[in-house]
Amino acid sequence: MSLNISRSEQNMFYFTTSF
């Protein structure tokens, strides 16, 4: 995974891992 991700992608990542 790239470390240079946008806020929307990062929020989506946290949203997915919250489950």
PDB file of N, CA and C in Angstrom:
ATOM      1  N   MET A   1       0.849  -1.203   0.000  1.00  0.00           N
ATOM      2  CA  MET A   1       0.000   0.000   0.000  1.00  0.00           C
ATOM      3  C   MET A   1       0.883   1.252   0.000  1.00  0.00           C
ATOM      4  N   SER A   2       0.481   2.207  -0.759  1.00  0.00           N
ATOM      5  CA  SER A   2       1.256   3.436  -0.826  1.00  0.00           C
ATOM      6  C   SER A   2       1.020   4.287   0.414  1.00  0.00           C
ATOM      7  N   LEU A   3       2.071   4.938   0.864  1.00  0.00           N
ATOM      8  CA  LEU A   3       1.942   5.793   2.049  1.00  0.00           C
ATOM      9  C   LEU A   3       1.373   7.156   1.684  1.00  0.00           C
ATOM     10  N   ASN A   4       1.475   7.501   0.412  1.00  0.00           N
ATOM     11  CA  ASN A   4       0.964   8.794  -0.034  1.00  0.00           C
ATOM     12  C   ASN A   4      -0.473   8.654  -0.517  1.00  0.00           C
ATOM     13  N   ILE A   5      -1.391   8.610   0.439  1.00  0.00           N
ATOM     14  CA  ILE A   5      -2.792   8.453   0.083  1.00  0.00           C
ATOM     15  C   ILE A   5      -3.573   9.702   0.465  1.00  0.00           C
ATOM     16  N   SER A   6      -4.630   9.930  -0.227  1.00  0.00           N
ATOM     17  CA  SER A   6      -5.445  11.102   0.050  1.00  0.00           C
ATOM     18  C   SER A   6      -6.284  10.896   1.306  1.00  0.00           C
ATOM     19  N   ARG A   7      -6.904  11.949   1.793  1.00  0.00           N
ATOM     20  CA  ARG A   7      -7.707  11.854   3.012  1.00  0.00           C
ATOM     21  C   ARG A   7      -8.916  10.957   2.801  1.00  0.00           C
ATOM     22  N   SER A   8      -9.515  11.029   1.639  1.00  0.00           N
ATOM     23  CA  SER A   8     -10.687  10.200   1.355  1.00  0.00           C
ATOM     24  C   SER A   8     -10.328   8.719   1.389  1.00  0.00           C
ATOM     25  N   GLU A   9      -9.177   8.386   0.823  1.00  0.00           N
ATOM     26  CA  GLU A   9      -8.732   6.987   0.829  1.00  0.00           C
ATOM     27  C   GLU A   9      -8.370   6.558   2.244  1.00  0.00           C
ATOM     28  N   GLN A  10      -7.774   7.473   2.998  1.00  0.00           N
ATOM     29  CA  GLN A  10      -7.393   7.155   4.369  1.00  0.00           C
ATOM     30  C   GLN A  10      -8.636   6.959   5.235  1.00  0.00           C
ATOM     31  N   ASN A  11      -9.638   7.799   5.034  1.00  0.00           N
ATOM     32  CA  ASN A  11     -10.882   7.660   5.781  1.00  0.00           C
ATOM     33  C   ASN A  11     -11.571   6.357   5.427  1.00  0.00           C
ATOM     34  N   MET A  12     -11.499   5.984   4.162  1.00  0.00           N
ATOM     35  CA  MET A  12     -12.090   4.732   3.713  1.00  0.00           C
ATOM     36  C   MET A  12     -11.344   3.561   4.343  1.00  0.00           C
ATOM     37  N   PHE A  13     -10.035   3.711   4.484  1.00  0.00           N
ATOM     38  CA  PHE A  13      -9.218   2.672   5.098  1.00  0.00           C
ATOM     39  C   PHE A  13      -9.609   2.482   6.562  1.00  0.00           C
ATOM     40  N   TYR A  14      -9.759   3.573   7.285  1.00  0.00           N
ATOM     41  CA  TYR A  14     -10.158   3.489   8.690  1.00  0.00           C
ATOM     42  C   TYR A  14     -11.577   2.957   8.814  1.00  0.00           C
ATOM     43  N   PHE A  15     -12.417   3.333   7.888  1.00  0.00           N
ATOM     44  CA  PHE A  15     -13.800   2.865   7.902  1.00  0.00           C
ATOM     45  C   PHE A  15     -13.859   1.359   7.698  1.00  0.00           C
ATOM     46  N   THR A  16     -12.985   0.859   6.841  1.00  0.00           N
ATOM     47  CA  THR A  16     -12.956  -0.582   6.566  1.00  0.00           C
ATOM     48  C   THR A  16     -12.371  -1.354   7.736  1.00  0.00           C
ATOM     49  N   THR A  17     -11.325  -0.816   8.338  1.00  0.00           N
ATOM     50  CA  THR A  17     -10.656  -1.516   9.434  1.00  0.00           C
ATOM     51  C   THR A  17     -11.403  -1.371  10.753  1.00  0.00           C
ATOM     52  N   SER A  18     -12.398  -0.503  10.784  1.00  0.00           N
ATOM     53  CA  SER A  18     -13.161  -0.310  12.019  1.00  0.00           C
ATOM     54  C   SER A  18     -14.034  -1.522  12.315  1.00  0.00           C
ATOM     55  N   PHE A  19     -14.279  -2.316  11.286  1.00  0.00           N
ATOM     56  CA  PHE A  19     -15.095  -3.517  11.488  1.00  0.00           C
ATOM     57  C   PHE A  19     -14.225  -4.628  12.043  1.00  0.00           C
TER      58      PHE A  19
END
